[in-house]
Protein backbone atom coordinates (compact mmCIF):
# COMPACT_ATOMS: atom_id res chain seq x y z
CA MET A 1 18.90 80.65 22.85
CA THR A 2 22.65 80.84 23.57
CA ALA A 3 24.58 77.73 22.59
CA ASP A 4 26.16 75.73 25.40
CA PRO A 5 29.97 75.99 24.96
CA VAL A 6 30.53 72.68 26.76
CA ALA A 7 28.29 70.85 24.31
CA SER A 8 30.63 71.82 21.47
CA LEU A 9 33.72 70.30 23.12
CA PRO A 10 34.87 66.97 21.69
CA ARG A 11 34.21 64.21 24.20
CA PRO A 12 37.43 62.31 25.01
CA ARG A 13 37.62 58.68 23.94
CA LEU A 14 38.02 57.07 27.34
CA ASN A 15 38.76 53.38 27.59
CA ALA A 16 36.48 50.99 29.45
CA GLY A 17 38.63 51.06 32.57
CA GLU A 18 38.60 54.86 32.78
CA ARG A 19 34.83 54.99 32.37
CA ALA A 20 34.42 52.28 35.02
CA ARG A 21 36.55 54.29 37.46
CA ILE A 22 34.39 57.38 36.90
CA ARG A 23 31.16 55.38 37.40
CA ARG A 24 32.53 53.82 40.60
CA LEU A 25 33.49 57.17 42.09
CA ARG A 26 30.25 58.88 41.10
CA THR A 27 28.23 56.02 42.53
CA SER A 28 30.13 56.45 45.81
CA SER A 29 29.22 60.13 45.97
CA SER A 30 25.91 61.57 47.06
CA GLY A 31 25.56 63.58 43.88
CA GLY A 32 22.09 62.23 43.25
CA GLY A 33 20.14 63.89 40.48
CA GLN A 34 22.49 63.44 37.51
CA GLN A 35 21.98 60.60 35.06
CA GLU A 36 24.91 58.42 34.07
CA GLY A 37 26.60 59.60 30.93
CA SER A 38 25.94 63.27 31.55
CA SER A 39 28.97 65.23 30.47
CA GLY A 40 28.52 68.41 32.43
CA ARG A 41 26.37 70.25 29.89
CA GLU A 42 24.28 71.66 32.70
CA LEU A 43 26.78 74.51 33.12
CA ALA A 44 25.04 77.84 33.12
CA VAL A 45 26.02 80.19 30.30
CA VAL A 46 26.06 83.88 31.07
CA PRO A 47 25.92 86.23 28.05
CA VAL A 48 28.90 88.57 27.93
CA ALA A 49 29.48 91.90 26.23
CA SER A 50 31.59 92.17 23.10
CA THR A 51 35.33 92.49 23.74
CA PRO A 52 36.51 96.12 23.71
CA ALA A 53 39.37 97.17 21.45
CA LEU A 54 42.00 97.68 24.15
CA THR A 55 45.49 98.92 23.41
CA GLU A 56 48.50 96.69 23.97
CA GLN A 57 49.52 98.86 26.93
CA GLN A 58 46.09 98.44 28.52
CA ARG A 59 46.20 94.68 28.05
CA GLU A 60 49.68 94.50 29.59
CA ALA A 61 48.49 96.56 32.56
CA ILE A 62 45.58 94.17 33.09
CA ALA A 63 47.80 91.09 32.74
CA HIS A 64 50.37 92.47 35.20
CA ARG A 65 47.79 93.03 37.92
CA ARG A 66 45.98 89.75 37.35
CA ALA A 67 49.31 87.95 37.65
CA HIS A 68 49.65 89.34 41.18
CA ALA A 69 46.11 88.46 42.27
CA GLN A 70 47.54 85.35 43.97
CA ALA A 71 50.52 84.71 46.20
CA ALA A 72 53.71 83.79 44.33
CA ASN A 73 53.79 80.33 45.93
CA THR A 74 50.18 79.70 44.90
CA ARG A 75 50.92 80.75 41.32
CA ALA A 76 53.93 78.45 41.17
CA THR A 77 51.97 75.53 42.63
CA TYR A 78 49.08 76.01 40.21
CA THR A 79 51.48 76.29 37.27
CA SER A 80 53.13 72.99 38.19
CA ALA A 81 49.77 71.25 38.65
CA TRP A 82 48.46 72.60 35.35
CA SER A 83 51.60 71.45 33.49
CA ARG A 84 51.04 67.94 34.81
CA PHE A 85 47.46 67.92 33.51
CA GLU A 86 48.59 69.22 30.11
CA SER A 87 51.20 66.46 29.84
CA TRP A 88 48.67 63.80 30.85
CA CYS A 89 46.24 65.01 28.19
CA ALA A 90 48.94 65.23 25.51
CA ASP A 91 50.04 61.63 26.18
CA ARG A 92 46.46 60.43 25.58
CA GLY A 93 45.45 62.73 22.76
CA PHE A 94 42.94 64.65 24.91
CA GLU A 95 42.28 68.37 24.71
CA ALA A 96 43.55 70.16 27.83
CA LEU A 97 42.26 73.64 27.06
CA PRO A 98 39.36 73.77 27.03
CA ALA A 99 39.04 70.42 28.75
CA HIS A 100 35.92 68.31 28.57
CA PRO A 101 34.48 67.42 32.01
CA ASP A 102 34.95 63.72 31.19
CA THR A 103 38.67 64.36 30.66
CA VAL A 104 39.04 65.94 34.10
CA ALA A 105 36.97 63.19 35.71
CA ALA A 106 39.14 60.50 34.12
CA TYR A 107 42.31 62.33 35.16
CA LEU A 108 41.25 62.33 38.80
CA ALA A 109 39.87 58.79 38.79
CA VAL A 110 43.03 57.31 37.27
CA ALA A 111 45.23 59.19 39.77
CA ASP A 112 43.05 58.03 42.66
CA ASP A 113 43.64 54.41 41.66
CA GLU A 114 47.44 54.71 41.71
CA ARG A 115 49.20 53.11 44.68
CA ASP A 116 52.70 53.36 46.14
CA GLU A 117 55.00 50.53 47.23
CA GLN A 118 53.08 50.13 50.50
CA GLY A 119 49.74 49.88 48.71
CA GLU A 120 48.66 53.33 49.89
CA PRO A 121 47.17 56.00 47.58
CA ARG A 122 50.05 57.63 45.71
CA TYR A 123 48.42 61.06 45.82
CA ALA A 124 46.92 62.64 48.92
CA ARG A 125 43.37 63.90 48.83
CA THR A 126 44.66 67.45 49.19
CA THR A 127 46.87 66.96 46.12
CA LEU A 128 43.89 65.92 43.99
CA GLU A 129 41.93 68.92 45.26
CA LEU A 130 44.86 71.16 44.31
CA TRP A 131 44.81 69.73 40.78
CA VAL A 132 41.11 70.54 40.48
CA ALA A 133 41.73 74.11 41.62
CA ALA A 134 44.59 74.53 39.13
CA ILE A 135 42.49 73.25 36.21
CA SER A 136 39.66 75.53 37.24
CA ARG A 137 41.98 78.52 37.47
CA ALA A 138 43.52 77.86 34.04
CA HIS A 139 40.07 77.90 32.41
CA ARG A 140 38.72 80.89 34.31
CA ASP A 141 41.84 82.94 33.58
CA ARG A 142 41.15 82.44 29.88
CA GLN A 143 37.39 83.03 30.24
CA LEU A 144 36.63 79.46 29.19
CA PRO A 145 33.88 77.19 30.63
CA ASP A 146 35.12 75.67 33.89
CA PRO A 147 34.93 71.86 33.54
CA THR A 148 35.46 71.33 37.27
CA ARG A 149 32.01 72.81 37.98
CA SER A 150 30.38 69.99 36.06
CA PRO A 151 28.35 67.46 38.08
CA VAL A 152 30.44 64.64 36.61
CA VAL A 153 33.65 66.13 38.08
CA GLY A 154 31.93 67.10 41.30
CA GLY A 155 30.63 63.55 41.66
CA VAL A 156 34.10 62.07 41.15
CA VAL A 157 35.66 64.44 43.71
CA GLU A 158 32.97 63.65 46.27
CA GLY A 159 33.34 59.93 45.56
CA ILE A 160 37.08 60.10 46.19
CA LYS A 161 36.48 61.80 49.54
CA ARG A 162 33.91 59.22 50.64
CA LEU A 163 35.94 56.20 49.53
CA ARG A 164 39.07 57.53 51.23
CA THR A 165 37.15 58.22 54.44
CA SER A 166 35.44 54.81 54.46
CA SER A 167 38.80 53.10 53.98
CA GLY A 168 40.08 54.76 57.15
CA GLU A 169 42.31 57.34 55.51
CA ARG A 170 42.85 60.47 57.54
CA PRO A 171 43.54 63.91 56.08
CA ASP A 172 47.22 64.46 55.29
CA LYS A 173 48.44 66.84 58.00
CA ALA A 174 51.87 68.02 59.01
CA VAL A 175 53.25 66.44 62.18
CA PRO A 176 53.34 69.25 64.76
CA LEU A 177 56.74 70.36 66.01
CA LEU A 178 55.95 70.88 69.68
CA HIS A 179 57.76 73.07 72.20
CA THR A 180 59.62 70.03 73.52
CA ASP A 181 60.79 69.26 69.96
CA LEU A 182 61.82 72.88 69.43
CA GLU A 183 63.86 72.89 72.62
CA ALA A 184 65.58 69.59 71.80
CA ILE A 185 66.45 70.51 68.21
CA VAL A 186 67.63 74.04 69.00
CA SER A 187 69.80 72.80 71.88
CA ALA A 188 71.37 70.20 69.59
CA ILE A 189 72.16 72.87 66.98
CA ALA A 190 73.84 75.07 69.59
CA GLU A 191 75.89 72.19 70.98
CA HIS A 192 76.99 71.07 67.51
CA SER A 193 78.13 74.55 66.44
CA ALA A 194 80.01 75.09 69.72
CA ALA A 195 81.87 71.78 69.43
CA GLY A 196 84.41 73.03 66.88
CA ARG A 197 86.22 76.20 65.91
CA ALA A 198 84.99 76.30 62.30
CA TRP A 199 83.00 79.44 61.54
CA LYS A 200 80.66 78.15 58.82
CA PRO A 201 78.64 75.83 61.11
CA LYS A 202 78.10 78.82 63.40
CA VAL A 203 76.54 80.79 60.53
CA TYR A 204 74.14 77.93 59.79
CA ALA A 205 73.40 77.56 63.49
CA ARG A 206 72.44 81.20 63.98
CA ARG A 207 70.17 81.19 60.95
CA ASP A 208 68.51 77.84 61.64
CA ILE A 209 67.87 78.59 65.31
CA ALA A 210 66.28 81.91 64.37
CA LEU A 211 64.13 80.22 61.72
CA LEU A 212 62.93 77.50 64.08
CA VAL A 213 62.17 79.80 67.01
CA TRP A 214 60.40 82.37 64.85
CA SER A 215 58.41 79.82 62.86
CA TYR A 216 57.07 78.42 66.13
CA ALA A 217 56.63 81.64 68.12
CA GLY A 218 55.05 83.53 65.22
CA ALA A 219 53.15 80.53 63.85
CA PHE A 220 54.36 81.61 60.43
CA ARG A 221 53.58 79.90 57.18
CA GLU A 222 56.76 79.03 55.28
CA SER A 223 56.07 81.68 52.65
CA GLU A 224 55.40 84.36 55.27
CA LEU A 225 58.66 83.69 57.09
CA CYS A 226 60.87 83.36 54.03
CA ARG A 227 59.58 86.56 52.40
CA LEU A 228 60.39 88.83 55.36
CA TRP A 229 62.73 91.76 54.79
CA ILE A 230 64.88 93.36 57.46
CA ALA A 231 62.76 96.49 57.02
CA ASP A 232 59.66 94.53 58.08
CA ILE A 233 61.00 93.96 61.60
CA ASP A 234 61.13 96.58 64.35
CA ARG A 235 60.34 97.25 67.98
CA ALA A 236 56.59 97.33 68.56
CA GLY A 237 56.78 100.57 70.55
CA ASP A 238 55.05 99.18 73.65
CA PRO A 239 55.84 100.91 77.00
CA ASP A 240 57.91 97.99 78.31
CA ASP A 241 59.85 97.51 75.06
CA LYS A 242 58.91 93.84 75.26
CA TRP A 243 57.54 93.12 71.81
CA LEU A 244 58.93 92.82 68.30
CA ALA A 245 56.59 93.83 65.47
CA ILE A 246 56.82 91.89 62.20
CA ARG A 247 54.90 93.22 59.21
CA LEU A 248 54.01 90.36 56.88
CA ARG A 249 54.47 90.88 53.17
CA GLY A 250 51.08 89.40 52.33
CA THR A 251 49.86 85.97 53.42
CA LYS A 252 48.18 82.95 51.89
CA THR A 253 44.78 84.36 52.86
CA THR A 254 45.56 88.09 52.91
CA GLN A 255 47.21 89.63 49.86
CA THR A 256 45.69 93.11 49.98
CA HIS A 257 47.04 94.34 53.31
CA SER A 258 49.99 93.59 55.58
CA PRO A 259 49.09 92.00 58.94
CA THR A 260 51.45 92.52 61.87
CA VAL A 261 52.66 89.70 64.12
CA VAL A 262 54.23 90.51 67.49
CA LEU A 263 56.80 88.36 69.29
CA PRO A 264 57.82 88.78 72.95
CA ARG A 265 61.16 88.68 74.65
CA GLY A 266 61.75 85.20 75.98
CA THR A 267 61.58 84.60 79.72
CA GLY A 268 63.53 81.33 79.71
CA SER A 269 66.57 80.25 77.75
CA ALA A 270 68.04 82.75 75.30
CA LEU A 271 68.08 79.93 72.75
CA LEU A 272 64.29 80.20 72.62
CA CYS A 273 64.04 83.99 72.89
CA PRO A 274 62.70 85.52 69.63
CA TRP A 275 64.67 88.73 70.27
CA CYS A 276 68.00 87.07 71.01
CA VAL A 277 67.99 84.60 68.14
CA TYR A 278 66.98 87.36 65.73
CA LEU A 279 69.69 89.78 66.86
CA ARG A 280 72.36 87.09 66.64
CA TRP A 281 71.37 86.23 63.07
CA LEU A 282 70.90 89.89 62.11
CA ALA A 283 74.47 90.55 63.25
CA VAL A 284 75.74 88.03 60.68
CA VAL A 285 73.63 89.50 57.86
CA ALA A 286 74.57 93.07 58.78
CA ALA A 287 78.29 92.25 58.92
CA TYR A 288 78.18 90.65 55.49
CA ASP A 289 76.02 93.31 53.83
CA THR A 290 77.99 96.22 55.26
CA ALA A 291 81.30 94.81 54.04
CA ALA A 292 79.97 93.82 50.61
CA THR A 293 78.08 97.03 49.79
CA GLY A 294 79.48 98.90 46.80
CA LEU A 295 81.84 96.13 45.69
CA ASP A 296 81.64 93.81 42.71
CA PRO A 297 80.30 90.30 43.52
CA ALA A 298 83.68 88.60 43.93
CA ALA A 299 85.21 91.37 46.02
CA GLY A 300 82.01 91.73 48.02
CA GLN A 301 81.96 88.05 48.87
CA ALA A 302 85.59 88.14 50.00
CA ALA A 303 85.07 91.23 52.14
CA GLY A 304 81.83 89.81 53.54
CA ALA A 305 83.54 86.56 54.48
CA LYS A 306 86.23 88.39 56.45
CA ALA A 307 83.63 90.50 58.25
CA VAL A 308 81.54 87.47 59.22
CA GLN A 309 84.60 85.59 60.46
CA ARG A 310 85.65 88.58 62.59
CA LEU A 311 82.18 88.69 64.11
CA LEU A 312 82.12 84.99 64.94
CA ARG A 313 85.56 85.07 66.57
CA ARG A 314 84.15 87.24 69.33
CA PRO A 315 83.15 85.33 72.48
CA ASP A 316 79.42 84.63 72.50
CA ASP A 317 77.35 82.31 74.67
CA PRO A 318 74.05 81.63 72.85
CA THR A 319 72.37 80.76 76.15
CA VAL A 320 72.90 84.31 77.46
CA HIS A 321 70.29 86.96 76.69
CA LEU A 322 71.26 90.00 74.64
CA CYS A 323 67.78 91.51 74.29
CA ASP A 324 69.04 94.85 75.63
CA ALA A 325 72.06 95.00 73.35
CA PRO A 326 72.14 97.67 70.60
CA TRP A 327 70.75 96.47 67.30
CA PRO A 328 73.32 95.90 64.54
CA ARG A 329 73.54 98.69 61.99
CA VAL A 330 72.16 97.54 58.62
CA THR A 331 72.97 99.00 55.22
CA ARG A 332 70.40 97.02 53.23
CA ALA A 333 67.08 97.01 55.05
CA ARG A 334 65.01 96.22 51.95
CA THR A 335 66.47 92.77 51.54
CA PRO A 336 65.48 89.30 52.85
CA ILE A 337 66.51 88.50 56.41
CA PHE A 338 66.32 84.71 56.00
CA ARG A 339 68.54 83.71 53.09
CA PRO A 340 70.18 80.65 51.58
CA ILE A 341 73.75 80.12 52.77
CA ASP A 342 76.47 79.67 50.16
CA HIS A 343 80.01 78.79 51.28
CA GLY A 344 79.03 79.82 54.79
CA LEU A 345 77.72 83.23 53.73
CA PRO A 346 74.17 84.63 53.50
CA ARG A 347 73.31 84.86 49.78
CA ASP A 348 73.00 88.49 48.75
CA ARG A 349 69.40 89.71 48.23
CA LYS A 350 68.01 86.19 47.86
CA GLU A 351 65.25 84.75 50.04
CA LEU A 352 65.20 81.21 51.38
CA SER A 353 62.64 78.94 49.73
CA GLY A 354 59.86 77.25 51.67
CA TYR A 355 61.13 73.88 50.45
CA SER A 356 64.62 74.54 51.81
CA PHE A 357 63.11 75.57 55.13
CA GLY A 358 61.19 72.30 55.40
CA GLU A 359 64.27 70.27 54.48
CA MET A 360 66.30 72.13 57.10
CA ILE A 361 63.85 71.04 59.82
CA LYS A 362 64.15 67.39 58.77
CA LYS A 363 67.96 67.58 58.71
CA ARG A 364 68.19 69.29 62.08
CA ALA A 365 65.78 66.83 63.69
CA LEU A 366 67.86 63.94 62.37
CA LEU A 367 71.07 65.48 63.76
CA ALA A 368 69.29 65.96 67.10
CA GLY A 369 68.85 62.21 67.37
CA TYR A 370 65.32 61.76 66.06
CA PRO A 371 64.68 58.45 64.25
CA ALA A 372 64.76 58.84 60.47
CA ASP A 373 61.01 58.28 60.06
CA ALA A 374 60.18 60.82 62.76
CA ALA A 375 62.57 63.42 61.32
CA LYS A 376 61.18 62.99 57.80
CA ALA A 377 57.64 63.50 59.09
CA PHE A 378 58.36 67.14 59.93
CA ARG A 379 57.56 69.80 57.33
CA GLY A 380 57.78 73.54 57.02
CA HIS A 381 54.26 73.74 58.45
CA SER A 382 55.16 71.70 61.54
CA PRO A 383 56.22 74.60 63.84
CA ARG A 384 53.01 76.47 63.02
CA ALA A 385 50.98 73.34 63.77
CA GLY A 386 52.97 72.81 66.96
CA PHE A 387 52.18 76.30 68.23
CA SER A 388 48.43 75.73 67.93
CA THR A 389 48.67 72.21 69.32
CA ASP A 390 50.62 73.35 72.38
CA GLY A 391 48.35 76.33 72.90
CA LEU A 392 45.20 74.21 72.95
CA ALA A 393 46.84 71.65 75.24
CA ARG A 394 47.65 74.45 77.70
CA GLY A 395 44.07 75.69 77.74
CA ILE A 396 44.50 78.81 75.57
CA SER A 397 41.28 79.56 73.71
CA ALA A 398 41.05 78.79 70.01
CA TYR A 399 40.04 82.42 69.45
CA ASP A 400 43.22 83.79 71.05
CA ILE A 401 45.38 81.28 69.19
CA GLY A 402 43.66 82.13 65.90
CA ARG A 403 44.20 85.84 66.51
CA HIS A 404 47.94 85.17 66.57
CA THR A 405 48.06 82.52 63.81
CA ARG A 406 45.72 84.44 61.46
CA GLN A 407 43.29 81.52 61.35
CA THR A 408 39.62 80.92 62.10
CA VAL A 409 38.52 79.23 65.31
CA ARG A 410 37.37 76.24 63.26
CA THR A 411 40.80 75.84 61.66
CA VAL A 412 42.58 76.13 65.00
CA ALA A 413 40.29 73.49 66.50
CA GLY A 414 41.66 71.04 63.94
CA TYR A 415 44.97 71.06 65.83
CA ASP A 416 43.40 69.79 69.05
CA ARG A 417 45.31 66.63 70.01
CA ASN A 418 43.70 66.31 73.45
CA GLN A 419 42.14 63.00 74.39
CA PRO A 420 38.32 62.88 74.06
CA TRP A 421 37.93 62.84 77.85
CA THR A 422 40.03 65.98 78.39
CA ASN A 423 37.75 68.90 79.35
CA ASN A 424 34.78 66.84 78.21
CA PRO A 425 31.56 68.74 79.04
CA ALA A 426 29.65 65.52 79.65
CA GLU A 427 31.55 65.02 82.91
CA GLY A 428 30.04 68.14 84.43
CA LEU A 429 26.53 67.46 83.18
CA LEU A 430 26.03 63.93 84.44
């Protein structure tokens, strides 16, 4: 009979409080069948073949491809979560790899008990679930027994969910940035940049307006939007020349092929037209890149600055459509379109981070006159949430919304903010 690898792991010496937390959470779950004190030794053990004698080159090839099995943002998030668990274990003298199920259970139970200054749970339920996923991934990547599959960990996770729900806690969701919010914030950006003659605020304005309009109209995830290259964006080729086609460079749920999102010409204000805001920002990027190409960094930055300033001195009313204008000539198509701005200039070949995008929304909302608490509630996901929320409120089907947002009908339905009596089927049946 094959020995159980979990049984050989040293059980962590938990204190009485940590064990009490685990018992409380497991009692709150509906795990049933497991006796108290079980340490997850019920994990099934699958016999494996002996390890082949691979060459170093073969091992490097395997490692390289496994490293790209997940989105870059997911890898970074998991790495951060795993580092936290390692530090927690090191501080207490516990083994992190491989971790005993009791160690993971205690880690989650202790974190669940932590409270902030308002007496609310310090860590959201989704954060704890992320930690579990990161611990699981770290063990599976090294072909070690996964402690998170143990009934003791499963019971603690389920207990956390039930206790949070019974206490009235709602899932942590991004506040949707609705169309009315988009219009107010974008208008404020345009007014602010037009108020003075300085050119740098105009650069920020063109980029931020394009980011906001596209993030809403395309229902993009932060990572999808920030990873776009100029080469990923083109006319869709429809008979009316109405649609832009954006080829995504992989998504959170789709890493093996490149979905295409289409955006229409706007029919209202040019400030909310996906074509117009894109072409205005592309003009800045193209001016900088064209002037800087072939020069050393310092000379390129100086030449790029002059080119951008010349562009922005030309009369331009951002409320006027320029959908039919010729597209700016680009010299670097395989480079990010949405970039950090340094000294008023688009950083060369560097993509904007999702964090910076979310912070930009908060800052712009605050400058648009939103109360501080309301502005801080927005996140990078807010425009995407706002698109689905507005669509459902206007009667668009969850299927059609999901087709555009790359989500299931069930996920889209979670954005329904309608009152219970809106379109209630009971009204027509009674």
